[in-house]
PDB file of N, CA and C in Angstrom:
ATOM      1  N   MET A   1       0.899  -1.201   0.002  1.00  0.00           N
ATOM      2  CA  MET A   1       0.017  -0.067   0.047  1.00  0.00           C
ATOM      3  C   MET A   1       0.823   1.281  -0.063  1.00  0.00           C
ATOM      4  N   LYS A   2       0.559   2.227  -0.835  1.00  0.00           N
ATOM      5  CA  LYS A   2       1.226   3.353  -0.907  1.00  0.00           C
ATOM      6  C   LYS A   2       1.082   4.288   0.246  1.00  0.00           C
ATOM      7  N   PRO A   3       2.068   5.202   0.718  1.00  0.00           N
ATOM      8  CA  PRO A   3       1.926   6.011   1.819  1.00  0.00           C
ATOM      9  C   PRO A   3       0.859   7.145   1.502  1.00  0.00           C
ATOM     10  N   SER A   4       0.143   7.561   2.598  1.00  0.00           N
ATOM     11  CA  SER A   4      -0.723   8.721   2.450  1.00  0.00           C
ATOM     12  C   SER A   4       0.096   9.884   2.547  1.00  0.00           C
ATOM     13  N   ILE A   5      -0.472  11.071   1.759  1.00  0.00           N
ATOM     14  CA  ILE A   5       0.272  12.264   1.484  1.00  0.00           C
ATOM     15  C   ILE A   5      -0.674  13.361   1.946  1.00  0.00           C
ATOM     16  N   LEU A   6      -0.219  14.351   2.739  1.00  0.00           N
ATOM     17  CA  LEU A   6      -0.741  15.622   2.972  1.00  0.00           C
ATOM     18  C   LEU A   6      -0.184  16.702   2.296  1.00  0.00           C
ATOM     19  N   ILE A   7      -1.048  17.420   1.452  1.00  0.00           N
ATOM     20  CA  ILE A   7      -0.494  18.441   0.707  1.00  0.00           C
ATOM     21  C   ILE A   7      -1.009  19.865   1.402  1.00  0.00           C
ATOM     22  N   ILE A   8      -0.117  20.688   1.712  1.00  0.00           N
ATOM     23  CA  ILE A   8      -0.419  22.092   2.344  1.00  0.00           C
ATOM     24  C   ILE A   8      -0.113  23.031   1.229  1.00  0.00           C
ATOM     25  N   GLU A   9      -1.062  23.479   0.684  1.00  0.00           N
ATOM     26  CA  GLU A   9      -0.750  24.476  -0.635  1.00  0.00           C
ATOM     27  C   GLU A   9      -2.054  25.384  -0.785  1.00  0.00           C
ATOM     28  N   ASP A  10      -1.751  26.569  -0.817  1.00  0.00           N
ATOM     29  CA  ASP A  10      -2.904  27.661  -0.875  1.00  0.00           C
ATOM     30  C   ASP A  10      -3.344  27.871  -2.337  1.00  0.00           C
ATOM     31  N   ASN A  11      -2.494  27.525  -3.355  1.00  0.00           N
ATOM     32  CA  ASN A  11      -2.732  27.858  -4.732  1.00  0.00           C
ATOM     33  C   ASN A  11      -3.675  26.747  -5.350  1.00  0.00           C
ATOM     34  N   GLU A  12      -4.872  26.945  -5.746  1.00  0.00           N
ATOM     35  CA  GLU A  12      -5.751  25.951  -6.288  1.00  0.00           C
ATOM     36  C   GLU A  12      -5.141  25.108  -7.382  1.00  0.00           C
ATOM     37  N   GLN A  13      -4.574  25.946  -8.404  1.00  0.00           N
ATOM     38  CA  GLN A  13      -4.057  25.120  -9.541  1.00  0.00           C
ATOM     39  C   GLN A  13      -2.771  24.337  -9.061  1.00  0.00           C
ATOM     40  N   ASN A  14      -2.061  24.717  -8.207  1.00  0.00           N
ATOM     41  CA  ASN A  14      -0.907  23.889  -7.812  1.00  0.00           C
ATOM     42  C   ASN A  14      -1.580  22.623  -7.053  1.00  0.00           C
ATOM     43  N   MET A  15      -2.441  22.918  -6.087  1.00  0.00           N
ATOM     44  CA  MET A  15      -3.095  21.766  -5.408  1.00  0.00           C
ATOM     45  C   MET A  15      -3.831  20.791  -6.465  1.00  0.00           C
ATOM     46  N   TYR A  16      -4.479  21.251  -7.346  1.00  0.00           N
ATOM     47  CA  TYR A  16      -4.989  20.402  -8.454  1.00  0.00           C
ATOM     48  C   TYR A  16      -3.873  19.479  -9.069  1.00  0.00           C
ATOM     49  N   MET A  17      -2.848  20.153  -9.612  1.00  0.00           N
ATOM     50  CA  MET A  17      -1.849  19.487 -10.238  1.00  0.00           C
ATOM     51  C   MET A  17      -1.035  18.490  -9.445  1.00  0.00           C
ATOM     52  N   LEU A  18      -0.751  18.812  -8.206  1.00  0.00           N
ATOM     53  CA  LEU A  18      -0.120  17.872  -7.228  1.00  0.00           C
ATOM     54  C   LEU A  18      -0.900  16.689  -6.955  1.00  0.00           C
ATOM     55  N   SER A  19      -2.304  16.932  -6.464  1.00  0.00           N
ATOM     56  CA  SER A  19      -3.171  16.001  -6.155  1.00  0.00           C
ATOM     57  C   SER A  19      -3.454  15.031  -7.383  1.00  0.00           C
ATOM     58  N   TYR A  20      -3.597  15.518  -8.680  1.00  0.00           N
ATOM     59  CA  TYR A  20      -3.802  14.770  -9.778  1.00  0.00           C
ATOM     60  C   TYR A  20      -2.641  13.773  -9.929  1.00  0.00           C
ATOM     61  N   LEU A  21      -1.520  14.387  -9.932  1.00  0.00           N
ATOM     62  CA  LEU A  21      -0.241  13.527 -10.345  1.00  0.00           C
ATOM     63  C   LEU A  21      -0.219  12.375  -9.223  1.00  0.00           C
ATOM     64  N   LEU A  22      -0.385  12.644  -7.856  1.00  0.00           N
ATOM     65  CA  LEU A  22      -0.226  11.669  -6.855  1.00  0.00           C
ATOM     66  C   LEU A  22      -1.556  10.587  -6.903  1.00  0.00           C
ATOM     67  N   GLU A  23      -2.619  11.105  -6.972  1.00  0.00           N
ATOM     68  CA  GLU A  23      -3.755  10.249  -7.025  1.00  0.00           C
ATOM     69  C   GLU A  23      -3.729   9.386  -8.352  1.00  0.00           C
ATOM     70  N   SER A  24      -3.157   9.832  -9.413  1.00  0.00           N
ATOM     71  CA  SER A  24      -2.913   8.978 -10.656  1.00  0.00           C
ATOM     72  C   SER A  24      -1.922   7.901 -10.361  1.00  0.00           C
ATOM     73  N   SER A  25      -1.106   8.025  -9.301  1.00  0.00           N
ATOM     74  CA  SER A  25      -0.101   7.045  -9.002  1.00  0.00           C
ATOM     75  C   SER A  25      -0.574   6.277  -7.706  1.00  0.00           C
ATOM     76  N   ASN A  26      -1.851   6.421  -7.432  1.00  0.00           N
ATOM     77  CA  ASN A  26      -2.496   5.566  -6.446  1.00  0.00           C
ATOM     78  C   ASN A  26      -2.142   5.979  -5.018  1.00  0.00           C
ATOM     79  N   TYR A  27      -1.769   7.180  -4.806  1.00  0.00           N
ATOM     80  CA  TYR A  27      -1.537   7.687  -3.375  1.00  0.00           C
ATOM     81  C   TYR A  27      -2.996   8.272  -2.889  1.00  0.00           C
ATOM     82  N   LYS A  28      -3.087   8.186  -1.595  1.00  0.00           N
ATOM     83  CA  LYS A  28      -4.189   8.693  -0.937  1.00  0.00           C
ATOM     84  C   LYS A  28      -3.718  10.163  -0.543  1.00  0.00           C
ATOM     85  N   VAL A  29      -4.452  11.133  -0.915  1.00  0.00           N
ATOM     86  CA  VAL A  29      -4.202  12.638  -0.741  1.00  0.00           C
ATOM     87  C   VAL A  29      -5.188  13.259   0.121  1.00  0.00           C
ATOM     88  N   ILE A  30      -4.549  13.976   1.124  1.00  0.00           N
ATOM     89  CA  ILE A  30      -5.361  14.761   2.013  1.00  0.00           C
ATOM     90  C   ILE A  30      -4.903  16.262   1.716  1.00  0.00           C
ATOM     91  N   LYS A  31      -5.871  17.142   1.725  1.00  0.00           N
ATOM     92  CA  LYS A  31      -5.529  18.577   1.173  1.00  0.00           C
ATOM     93  C   LYS A  31      -5.773  19.541   2.326  1.00  0.00           C
ATOM     94  N   ALA A  32      -4.904  20.399   2.562  1.00  0.00           N
ATOM     95  CA  ALA A  32      -5.025  21.600   3.323  1.00  0.00           C
ATOM     96  C   ALA A  32      -4.669  22.891   2.562  1.00  0.00           C
ATOM     97  N   TYR A  33      -5.346  23.979   2.780  1.00  0.00           N
ATOM     98  CA  TYR A  33      -5.215  25.131   1.888  1.00  0.00           C
ATOM     99  C   TYR A  33      -4.374  26.176   2.728  1.00  0.00           C
ATOM    100  N   ASN A  34      -4.140  25.907   3.996  1.00  0.00           N
ATOM    101  CA  ASN A  34      -3.464  26.827   5.009  1.00  0.00           C
ATOM    102  C   ASN A  34      -2.792  26.062   6.012  1.00  0.00           C
ATOM    103  N   GLY A  35      -1.779  26.785   6.702  1.00  0.00           N
ATOM    104  CA  GLY A  35      -1.027  26.145   7.720  1.00  0.00           C
ATOM    105  C   GLY A  35      -1.722  25.547   8.859  1.00  0.00           C
ATOM    106  N   VAL A  36      -2.840  26.263   9.396  1.00  0.00           N
ATOM    107  CA  VAL A  36      -3.640  25.772  10.517  1.00  0.00           C
ATOM    108  C   VAL A  36      -4.375  24.466  10.313  1.00  0.00           C
ATOM    109  N   ASP A  37      -4.937  24.389   9.057  1.00  0.00           N
ATOM    110  CA  ASP A  37      -5.566  23.208   8.693  1.00  0.00           C
ATOM    111  C   ASP A  37      -4.649  22.089   8.486  1.00  0.00           C
ATOM    112  N   GLY A  38      -3.441  22.522   7.865  1.00  0.00           N
ATOM    113  CA  GLY A  38      -2.349  21.472   7.761  1.00  0.00           C
ATOM    114  C   GLY A  38      -1.932  20.773   8.895  1.00  0.00           C
ATOM    115  N   LEU A  39      -1.674  21.596   9.919  1.00  0.00           N
ATOM    116  CA  LEU A  39      -1.171  21.129  11.180  1.00  0.00           C
ATOM    117  C   LEU A  39      -2.239  20.114  11.747  1.00  0.00           C
ATOM    118  N   ARG A  40      -3.528  20.658  11.798  1.00  0.00           N
ATOM    119  CA  ARG A  40      -4.616  19.828  12.358  1.00  0.00           C
ATOM    120  C   ARG A  40      -4.709  18.593  11.668  1.00  0.00           C
ATOM    121  N   LEU A  41      -4.673  18.504  10.198  1.00  0.00           N
ATOM    122  CA  LEU A  41      -4.876  17.238   9.522  1.00  0.00           C
ATOM    123  C   LEU A  41      -3.754  16.270   9.633  1.00  0.00           C
ATOM    124  N   ALA A  42      -2.359  16.942   9.764  1.00  0.00           N
ATOM    125  CA  ALA A  42      -1.286  16.138   9.922  1.00  0.00           C
ATOM    126  C   ALA A  42      -1.459  15.287  11.361  1.00  0.00           C
ATOM    127  N   HIS A  43      -1.878  15.833  12.370  1.00  0.00           N
ATOM    128  CA  HIS A  43      -2.030  15.281  13.734  1.00  0.00           C
ATOM    129  C   HIS A  43      -3.207  14.363  13.710  1.00  0.00           C
ATOM    130  N   GLU A  44      -4.293  14.646  12.879  1.00  0.00           N
ATOM    131  CA  GLU A  44      -5.505  13.654  12.845  1.00  0.00           C
ATOM    132  C   GLU A  44      -5.245  12.392  11.986  1.00  0.00           C
ATOM    133  N   ASN A  45      -4.499  12.620  10.943  1.00  0.00           N
ATOM    134  CA  ASN A  45      -4.223  11.518   9.882  1.00  0.00           C
ATOM    135  C   ASN A  45      -2.782  10.823   9.858  1.00  0.00           C
ATOM    136  N   HIS A  46      -1.867  11.415  10.472  1.00  0.00           N
ATOM    137  CA  HIS A  46      -0.506  10.924  10.503  1.00  0.00           C
ATOM    138  C   HIS A  46      -0.165  10.494   9.163  1.00  0.00           C
ATOM    139  N   PRO A  47       0.014  11.383   8.033  1.00  0.00           N
ATOM    140  CA  PRO A  47       0.421  10.938   6.644  1.00  0.00           C
ATOM    141  C   PRO A  47       1.882  10.618   6.663  1.00  0.00           C
ATOM    142  N   GLU A  48       2.256   9.657   5.815  1.00  0.00           N
ATOM    143  CA  GLU A  48       3.632   9.291   5.876  1.00  0.00           C
ATOM    144  C   GLU A  48       4.617  10.372   5.203  1.00  0.00           C
ATOM    145  N   ILE A  49       3.868  11.212   4.310  1.00  0.00           N
ATOM    146  CA  ILE A  49       4.652  12.313   3.522  1.00  0.00           C
ATOM    147  C   ILE A  49       3.813  13.493   3.725  1.00  0.00           C
ATOM    148  N   ILE A  50       4.391  14.531   3.798  1.00  0.00           N
ATOM    149  CA  ILE A  50       3.725  15.993   3.891  1.00  0.00           C
ATOM    150  C   ILE A  50       4.500  16.701   2.869  1.00  0.00           C
ATOM    151  N   LEU A  51       3.709  17.420   1.979  1.00  0.00           N
ATOM    152  CA  LEU A  51       4.292  18.282   0.965  1.00  0.00           C
ATOM    153  C   LEU A  51       3.824  19.784   1.416  1.00  0.00           C
ATOM    154  N   ILE A  52       4.802  20.674   1.577  1.00  0.00           N
ATOM    155  CA  ILE A  52       4.427  21.967   2.067  1.00  0.00           C
ATOM    156  C   ILE A  52       4.908  22.994   1.336  1.00  0.00           C
ATOM    157  N   ASP A  53       4.032  23.963   0.843  1.00  0.00           N
ATOM    158  CA  ASP A  53       4.334  25.243   0.135  1.00  0.00           C
ATOM    159  C   ASP A  53       5.049  26.083   1.190  1.00  0.00           C
ATOM    160  N   ILE A  54       5.937  26.901   0.903  1.00  0.00           N
ATOM    161  CA  ILE A  54       6.630  27.823   1.812  1.00  0.00           C
ATOM    162  C   ILE A  54       5.858  29.015   2.019  1.00  0.00           C
ATOM    163  N   GLN A  55       5.261  29.546   0.942  1.00  0.00           N
ATOM    164  CA  GLN A  55       4.477  30.927   1.048  1.00  0.00           C
ATOM    165  C   GLN A  55       3.021  30.491   1.313  1.00  0.00           C
ATOM    166  N   LEU A  56       2.479  30.643   2.371  1.00  0.00           N
ATOM    167  CA  LEU A  56       1.235  30.352   2.740  1.00  0.00           C
ATOM    168  C   LEU A  56       0.514  31.539   3.411  1.00  0.00           C
ATOM    169  N   PRO A  57      -0.830  31.799   3.396  1.00  0.00           N
ATOM    170  CA  PRO A  57      -1.323  32.955   3.802  1.00  0.00           C
ATOM    171  C   PRO A  57      -1.229  33.109   5.342  1.00  0.00           C
ATOM    172  N   ASP A  58      -1.396  32.187   6.184  1.00  0.00           N
ATOM    173  CA  ASP A  58      -1.425  32.264   7.666  1.00  0.00           C
ATOM    174  C   ASP A  58      -0.034  31.987   8.470  1.00  0.00           C
ATOM    175  N   MET A  59       0.709  31.207   7.925  1.00  0.00           N
ATOM    176  CA  MET A  59       2.047  30.934   8.465  1.00  0.00           C
ATOM    177  C   MET A  59       3.059  30.392   7.441  1.00  0.00           C
ATOM    178  N   ASP A  60       4.243  30.751   7.416  1.00  0.00           N
ATOM    179  CA  ASP A  60       4.931  30.177   6.314  1.00  0.00           C
ATOM    180  C   ASP A  60       5.367  28.708   6.448  1.00  0.00           C
ATOM    181  N   GLY A  61       5.834  28.052   5.374  1.00  0.00           N
ATOM    182  CA  GLY A  61       6.171  26.728   5.426  1.00  0.00           C
ATOM    183  C   GLY A  61       7.266  26.202   6.542  1.00  0.00           C
ATOM    184  N   TYR A  62       8.113  27.233   6.753  1.00  0.00           N
ATOM    185  CA  TYR A  62       9.262  27.031   7.630  1.00  0.00           C
ATOM    186  C   TYR A  62       8.678  26.786   9.134  1.00  0.00           C
ATOM    187  N   GLU A  63       7.734  27.624   9.450  1.00  0.00           N
ATOM    188  CA  GLU A  63       7.010  27.608  10.679  1.00  0.00           C
ATOM    189  C   GLU A  63       6.292  26.239  10.871  1.00  0.00           C
ATOM    190  N   ILE A  64       5.738  25.921   9.839  1.00  0.00           N
ATOM    191  CA  ILE A  64       4.875  24.683   9.872  1.00  0.00           C
ATOM    192  C   ILE A  64       5.780  23.471   9.978  1.00  0.00           C
ATOM    193  N   CYS A  65       6.969  23.465   9.138  1.00  0.00           N
ATOM    194  CA  CYS A  65       7.901  22.376   9.449  1.00  0.00           C
ATOM    195  C   CYS A  65       8.292  22.309  10.881  1.00  0.00           C
ATOM    196  N   ASN A  66       8.645  23.334  11.365  1.00  0.00           N
ATOM    197  CA  ASN A  66       9.175  23.359  12.801  1.00  0.00           C
ATOM    198  C   ASN A  66       8.079  22.901  13.779  1.00  0.00           C
ATOM    199  N   LYS A  67       6.875  23.343  13.578  1.00  0.00           N
ATOM    200  CA  LYS A  67       5.862  22.967  14.335  1.00  0.00           C
ATOM    201  C   LYS A  67       5.553  21.496  14.362  1.00  0.00           C
ATOM    202  N   LEU A  68       5.571  20.949  12.969  1.00  0.00           N
ATOM    203  CA  LEU A  68       5.309  19.495  12.755  1.00  0.00           C
ATOM    204  C   LEU A  68       6.427  18.623  13.564  1.00  0.00           C
ATOM    205  N   ARG A  69       7.735  19.030  13.417  1.00  0.00           N
ATOM    206  CA  ARG A  69       8.802  18.298  13.937  1.00  0.00           C
ATOM    207  C   ARG A  69       8.865  18.324  15.394  1.00  0.00           C
ATOM    208  N   HIS A  70       8.254  19.333  15.956  1.00  0.00           N
ATOM    209  CA  HIS A  70       8.364  19.536  17.388  1.00  0.00           C
ATOM    210  C   HIS A  70       7.056  19.260  18.324  1.00  0.00           C
ATOM    211  N   ASN A  71       6.012  18.803  17.643  1.00  0.00           N
ATOM    212  CA  ASN A  71       4.770  18.862  18.294  1.00  0.00           C
ATOM    213  C   ASN A  71       4.116  17.304  18.033  1.00  0.00           C
ATOM    214  N   GLY A  72       4.773  16.189  18.166  1.00  0.00           N
ATOM    215  CA  GLY A  72       4.296  14.935  18.332  1.00  0.00           C
ATOM    216  C   GLY A  72       4.060  14.223  16.974  1.00  0.00           C
ATOM    217  N   LEU A  73       4.479  14.732  15.915  1.00  0.00           N
ATOM    218  CA  LEU A  73       4.374  14.024  14.618  1.00  0.00           C
ATOM    219  C   LEU A  73       5.376  12.858  14.604  1.00  0.00           C
ATOM    220  N   PRO A  74       4.944  11.732  14.096  1.00  0.00           N
ATOM    221  CA  PRO A  74       5.913  10.599  14.201  1.00  0.00           C
ATOM    222  C   PRO A  74       7.148  10.954  13.433  1.00  0.00           C
ATOM    223  N   LYS A  75       8.378  10.489  14.053  1.00  0.00           N
ATOM    224  CA  LYS A  75       9.624  10.920  13.608  1.00  0.00           C
ATOM    225  C   LYS A  75       9.961  10.455  12.149  1.00  0.00           C
ATOM    226  N   ASN A  76       9.331   9.360  11.627  1.00  0.00           N
ATOM    227  CA  ASN A  76       9.583   8.927  10.355  1.00  0.00           C
ATOM    228  C   ASN A  76       8.785   9.472   9.263  1.00  0.00           C
ATOM    229  N   THR A  77       7.936  10.623   9.657  1.00  0.00           N
ATOM    230  CA  THR A  77       7.271  11.268   8.573  1.00  0.00           C
ATOM    231  C   THR A  77       8.136  12.072   7.718  1.00  0.00           C
ATOM    232  N   THR A  78       8.054  11.989   6.392  1.00  0.00           N
ATOM    233  CA  THR A  78       8.855  12.694   5.424  1.00  0.00           C
ATOM    234  C   THR A  78       8.168  14.082   5.100  1.00  0.00           C
ATOM    235  N   ILE A  79       8.777  15.055   5.359  1.00  0.00           N
ATOM    236  CA  ILE A  79       8.402  16.341   5.005  1.00  0.00           C
ATOM    237  C   ILE A  79       9.179  16.898   3.851  1.00  0.00           C
ATOM    238  N   ILE A  80       8.509  17.454   2.705  1.00  0.00           N
ATOM    239  CA  ILE A  80       9.151  18.033   1.562  1.00  0.00           C
ATOM    240  C   ILE A  80       8.608  19.381   1.325  1.00  0.00           C
ATOM    241  N   ALA A  81       9.501  20.321   1.258  1.00  0.00           N
ATOM    242  CA  ALA A  81       9.083  21.628   0.951  1.00  0.00           C
ATOM    243  C   ALA A  81       9.001  21.730  -0.666  1.00  0.00           C
ATOM    244  N   VAL A  82       7.912  22.162  -1.197  1.00  0.00           N
ATOM    245  CA  VAL A  82       7.596  22.271  -2.613  1.00  0.00           C
ATOM    246  C   VAL A  82       7.217  23.884  -2.869  1.00  0.00           C
ATOM    247  N   THR A  83       8.265  24.536  -3.351  1.00  0.00           N
ATOM    248  CA  THR A  83       7.977  25.992  -3.497  1.00  0.00           C
ATOM    249  C   THR A  83       8.733  26.658  -4.635  1.00  0.00           C
ATOM    250  N   SER A  84       8.135  27.697  -5.081  1.00  0.00           N
ATOM    251  CA  SER A  84       8.724  28.650  -6.211  1.00  0.00           C
ATOM    252  C   SER A  84       9.478  29.594  -5.507  1.00  0.00           C
ATOM    253  N   TYR A  85       9.498  29.697  -4.221  1.00  0.00           N
ATOM    254  CA  TYR A  85      10.197  30.706  -3.581  1.00  0.00           C
ATOM    255  C   TYR A  85      11.686  30.279  -3.403  1.00  0.00           C
ATOM    256  N   ALA A  86      12.336  30.098  -4.482  1.00  0.00           N
ATOM    257  CA  ALA A  86      13.627  29.522  -4.533  1.00  0.00           C
ATOM    258  C   ALA A  86      14.840  30.509  -4.707  1.00  0.00           C
ATOM    259  N   MET A  87      15.064  31.179  -3.500  1.00  0.00           N
ATOM    260  CA  MET A  87      16.168  32.007  -3.495  1.00  0.00           C
ATOM    261  C   MET A  87      17.363  31.291  -2.869  1.00  0.00           C
ATOM    262  N   GLY A  88      18.511  31.945  -2.954  1.00  0.00           N
ATOM    263  CA  GLY A  88      19.716  31.261  -2.339  1.00  0.00           C
ATOM    264  C   GLY A  88      19.704  31.166  -0.873  1.00  0.00           C
ATOM    265  N   GLY A  89      19.802  29.935  -0.320  1.00  0.00           N
ATOM    266  CA  GLY A  89      19.727  29.636   1.116  1.00  0.00           C
ATOM    267  C   GLY A  89      18.327  29.047   1.457  1.00  0.00           C
ATOM    268  N   ASP A  90      17.279  29.118   0.612  1.00  0.00           N
ATOM    269  CA  ASP A  90      16.022  28.782   0.932  1.00  0.00           C
ATOM    270  C   ASP A  90      16.050  27.235   1.172  1.00  0.00           C
ATOM    271  N   LYS A  91      16.801  26.476   0.351  1.00  0.00           N
ATOM    272  CA  LYS A  91      16.766  24.941   0.664  1.00  0.00           C
ATOM    273  C   LYS A  91      17.422  24.642   2.028  1.00  0.00           C
ATOM    274  N   GLU A  92      18.359  25.284   2.268  1.00  0.00           N
ATOM    275  CA  GLU A  92      19.047  25.149   3.702  1.00  0.00           C
ATOM    276  C   GLU A  92      18.049  25.477   4.848  1.00  0.00           C
ATOM    277  N   LYS A  93      17.471  26.469   4.627  1.00  0.00           N
ATOM    278  CA  LYS A  93      16.543  27.087   5.611  1.00  0.00           C
ATOM    279  C   LYS A  93      15.416  26.064   5.869  1.00  0.00           C
ATOM    280  N   ALA A  94      14.748  25.524   4.753  1.00  0.00           N
ATOM    281  CA  ALA A  94      13.856  24.523   4.836  1.00  0.00           C
ATOM    282  C   ALA A  94      14.351  23.207   5.566  1.00  0.00           C
ATOM    283  N   MET A  95      15.511  22.904   5.315  1.00  0.00           N
ATOM    284  CA  MET A  95      16.087  21.776   5.880  1.00  0.00           C
ATOM    285  C   MET A  95      16.306  21.905   7.412  1.00  0.00           C
ATOM    286  N   GLU A  96      16.814  23.158   7.765  1.00  0.00           N
ATOM    287  CA  GLU A  96      16.965  23.499   9.244  1.00  0.00           C
ATOM    288  C   GLU A  96      15.503  23.497   9.853  1.00  0.00           C
ATOM    289  N   ALA A  97      14.499  23.844   9.241  1.00  0.00           N
ATOM    290  CA  ALA A  97      13.167  23.989   9.828  1.00  0.00           C
ATOM    291  C   ALA A  97      12.658  22.562  10.071  1.00  0.00           C
ATOM    292  N   GLY A  98      13.385  21.553   9.386  1.00  0.00           N
ATOM    293  CA  GLY A  98      12.708  20.075   9.583  1.00  0.00           C
ATOM    294  C   GLY A  98      12.291  19.371   8.410  1.00  0.00           C
ATOM    295  N   ALA A  99      12.488  20.054   7.190  1.00  0.00           N
ATOM    296  CA  ALA A  99      12.094  19.395   5.975  1.00  0.00           C
ATOM    297  C   ALA A  99      13.236  18.396   5.632  1.00  0.00           C
ATOM    298  N   ASP A 100      12.696  17.253   4.970  1.00  0.00           N
ATOM    299  CA  ASP A 100      13.786  16.277   4.595  1.00  0.00           C
ATOM    300  C   ASP A 100      14.157  16.409   3.069  1.00  0.00           C
ATOM    301  N   GLY A 101      13.385  17.190   2.449  1.00  0.00           N
ATOM    302  CA  GLY A 101      13.759  17.447   1.015  1.00  0.00           C
ATOM    303  C   GLY A 101      13.010  18.777   0.444  1.00  0.00           C
ATOM    304  N   TYR A 102      13.407  19.118  -0.787  1.00  0.00           N
ATOM    305  CA  TYR A 102      13.005  20.393  -1.288  1.00  0.00           C
ATOM    306  C   TYR A 102      12.912  20.232  -2.798  1.00  0.00           C
ATOM    307  N   LEU A 103      11.796  20.502  -3.275  1.00  0.00           N
ATOM    308  CA  LEU A 103      11.478  20.516  -4.718  1.00  0.00           C
ATOM    309  C   LEU A 103      11.000  21.925  -5.093  1.00  0.00           C
ATOM    310  N   GLU A 104      11.580  22.460  -6.287  1.00  0.00           N
ATOM    311  CA  GLU A 104      11.252  23.674  -6.858  1.00  0.00           C
ATOM    312  C   GLU A 104      10.014  23.695  -7.863  1.00  0.00           C
ATOM    313  N   LYS A 105       9.223  24.643  -7.741  1.00  0.00           N
ATOM    314  CA  LYS A 105       8.121  24.835  -8.620  1.00  0.00           C
ATOM    315  C   LYS A 105       8.783  25.795  -9.704  1.00  0.00           C
ATOM    316  N   PRO A 106       8.260  25.804 -10.925  1.00  0.00           N
ATOM    317  CA  PRO A 106       7.082  24.796 -11.287  1.00  0.00           C
ATOM    318  C   PRO A 106       7.605  23.377 -11.381  1.00  0.00           C
ATOM    319  N   ILE A 107       6.755  22.474 -10.902  1.00  0.00           N
ATOM    320  CA  ILE A 107       7.137  20.991 -10.955  1.00  0.00           C
ATOM    321  C   ILE A 107       7.076  20.402 -12.324  1.00  0.00           C
ATOM    322  N   ASN A 108       7.859  19.500 -12.522  1.00  0.00           N
ATOM    323  CA  ASN A 108       7.864  18.794 -13.876  1.00  0.00           C
ATOM    324  C   ASN A 108       6.934  17.657 -13.758  1.00  0.00           C
ATOM    325  N   PRO A 109       5.802  17.701 -14.395  1.00  0.00           N
ATOM    326  CA  PRO A 109       4.738  16.619 -14.155  1.00  0.00           C
ATOM    327  C   PRO A 109       5.330  15.120 -14.546  1.00  0.00           C
ATOM    328  N   ASP A 110       6.305  15.034 -15.420  1.00  0.00           N
ATOM    329  CA  ASP A 110       6.753  13.856 -15.810  1.00  0.00           C
ATOM    330  C   ASP A 110       7.779  13.235 -14.753  1.00  0.00           C
ATOM    331  N   THR A 111       8.267  14.135 -13.943  1.00  0.00           N
ATOM    332  CA  THR A 111       9.247  13.614 -12.915  1.00  0.00           C
ATOM    333  C   THR A 111       8.885  13.779 -11.475  1.00  0.00           C
ATOM    334  N   PHE A 112       7.922  14.629 -11.148  1.00  0.00           N
ATOM    335  CA  PHE A 112       7.627  14.986  -9.795  1.00  0.00           C
ATOM    336  C   PHE A 112       7.449  13.780  -8.839  1.00  0.00           C
ATOM    337  N   VAL A 113       6.662  12.769  -9.218  1.00  0.00           N
ATOM    338  CA  VAL A 113       6.369  11.704  -8.386  1.00  0.00           C
ATOM    339  C   VAL A 113       7.639  10.898  -8.102  1.00  0.00           C
ATOM    340  N   LYS A 114       8.385  10.769  -9.007  1.00  0.00           N
ATOM    341  CA  LYS A 114       9.556   9.974  -8.853  1.00  0.00           C
ATOM    342  C   LYS A 114      10.595  10.762  -8.017  1.00  0.00           C
ATOM    343  N   GLN A 115      10.666  12.017  -8.038  1.00  0.00           N
ATOM    344  CA  GLN A 115      11.544  12.922  -7.258  1.00  0.00           C
ATOM    345  C   GLN A 115      11.073  12.782  -5.837  1.00  0.00           C
ATOM    346  N   MET A 116       9.701  12.888  -5.635  1.00  0.00           N
ATOM    347  CA  MET A 116       9.215  12.820  -4.267  1.00  0.00           C
ATOM    348  C   MET A 116       9.476  11.381  -3.613  1.00  0.00           C
ATOM    349  N   GLU A 117       9.226  10.362  -4.400  1.00  0.00           N
ATOM    350  CA  GLU A 117       9.553   9.062  -3.910  1.00  0.00           C
ATOM    351  C   GLU A 117      10.994   8.844  -3.542  1.00  0.00           C
ATOM    352  N   SER A 118      11.891   9.508  -4.336  1.00  0.00           N
ATOM    353  CA  SER A 118      13.335   9.338  -3.986  1.00  0.00           C
ATOM    354  C   SER A 118      13.685  10.075  -2.712  1.00  0.00           C
ATOM    355  N   ILE A 119      13.027  11.040  -2.381  1.00  0.00           N
ATOM    356  CA  ILE A 119      13.294  11.732  -1.032  1.00  0.00           C
ATOM    357  C   ILE A 119      12.781  10.854   0.041  1.00  0.00           C
ATOM    358  N   TYR A 120      11.512  10.289  -0.282  1.00  0.00           N
ATOM    359  CA  TYR A 120      10.871   9.372   0.699  1.00  0.00           C
ATOM    360  C   TYR A 120      11.678   8.197   1.087  1.00  0.00           C
ATOM    361  N   ARG A 121      12.285   7.618   0.014  1.00  0.00           N
ATOM    362  CA  ARG A 121      12.896   6.461   0.253  1.00  0.00           C
ATOM    363  C   ARG A 121      14.274   6.663   0.879  1.00  0.00           C
ATOM    364  N   ALA A 122      14.775   7.745   0.682  1.00  0.00           N
ATOM    365  CA  ALA A 122      16.144   8.101   1.261  1.00  0.00           C
ATOM    366  C   ALA A 122      16.123   8.489   2.684  1.00  0.00           C
ATOM    367  N   LYS A 123      15.012   8.655   3.135  1.00  0.00           N
ATOM    368  CA  LYS A 123      14.836   9.095   4.619  1.00  0.00           C
ATOM    369  C   LYS A 123      15.223   7.795   5.527  1.00  0.00           C
TER     370      LYS A 123
END
């Protein structure tokens, strides 16, 4: 059985694309459009993988990563920052906040699932 995935993403087009690609690969997808809902859904559902946008309306992805890592989420949960906010040092900042991997937008639909799976397997 494939792992469940929580996507925390406020942009509807990005959410649609990520959900479509993952559901087409037989993943169970849980959707949150802001950080507060993302934190709640993470603790209610214990997904194996969490994809987090960095720029969200209520709190940034770094804060969400930090809260997830320090508030009872299973240690084996894979957190991946998926963002177009790709400035120098952002990958390092995401990893310091608790992310296990970092993928830049725009995502490549042909390679996204394989990239995500390689981060998940490497953990």
